Amino acid sequence: MSRCFPYPPPGFLKTNGESAVSK
């Protein structure tokens, strides 16, 4: 699930951490 665009889902955010949101 590479749905990093336009923004990462709530699940991805917690799984990858806040680093994903910063990038």
C-alpha atoms as a PDB file:
ATOM      1  CA  MET A   1       0.000   0.000   0.000  1.00  0.00           C
ATOM      2  CA  SER A   2       2.123   2.894  -1.262  1.00  0.00           C
ATOM      3  CA  ARG A   3      -0.636   5.452  -0.700  1.00  0.00           C
ATOM      4  CA  CYS A   4       1.822   8.062   0.601  1.00  0.00           C
ATOM      5  CA  PHE A   5       0.009  10.591  -1.591  1.00  0.00           C
ATOM      6  CA  PRO A   6      -1.438  12.939  -0.972  1.00  0.00           C
ATOM      7  CA  TYR A   7      -1.010  11.938   2.665  1.00  0.00           C
ATOM      8  CA  PRO A   8      -0.355   8.676   4.572  1.00  0.00           C
ATOM      9  CA  PRO A   9      -3.374   6.999   6.256  1.00  0.00           C
ATOM     10  CA  PRO A  10      -3.726   6.848  10.079  1.00  0.00           C
ATOM     11  CA  GLY A  11      -2.554   3.228  10.125  1.00  0.00           C
ATOM     12  CA  PHE A  12       0.542   3.917   8.038  1.00  0.00           C
ATOM     13  CA  LEU A  13       1.413   6.884  10.232  1.00  0.00           C
ATOM     14  CA  LYS A  14       1.522   4.739  13.356  1.00  0.00           C
ATOM     15  CA  THR A  15       3.265   1.847  11.611  1.00  0.00           C
ATOM     16  CA  ASN A  16       6.020   3.890   9.997  1.00  0.00           C
ATOM     17  CA  GLY A  17       6.117   6.574  12.664  1.00  0.00           C
ATOM     18  CA  GLU A  18       5.981  10.336  12.303  1.00  0.00           C
ATOM     19  CA  SER A  19       9.033  10.241  10.031  1.00  0.00           C
ATOM     20  CA  ALA A  20       6.795   9.286   7.101  1.00  0.00           C
ATOM     21  CA  VAL A  21       4.699  12.419   7.586  1.00  0.00           C
ATOM     22  CA  SER A  22       7.756  14.680   7.655  1.00  0.00           C
ATOM     23  CA  LYS A  23       9.018  13.308   4.338  1.00  0.00           C
END
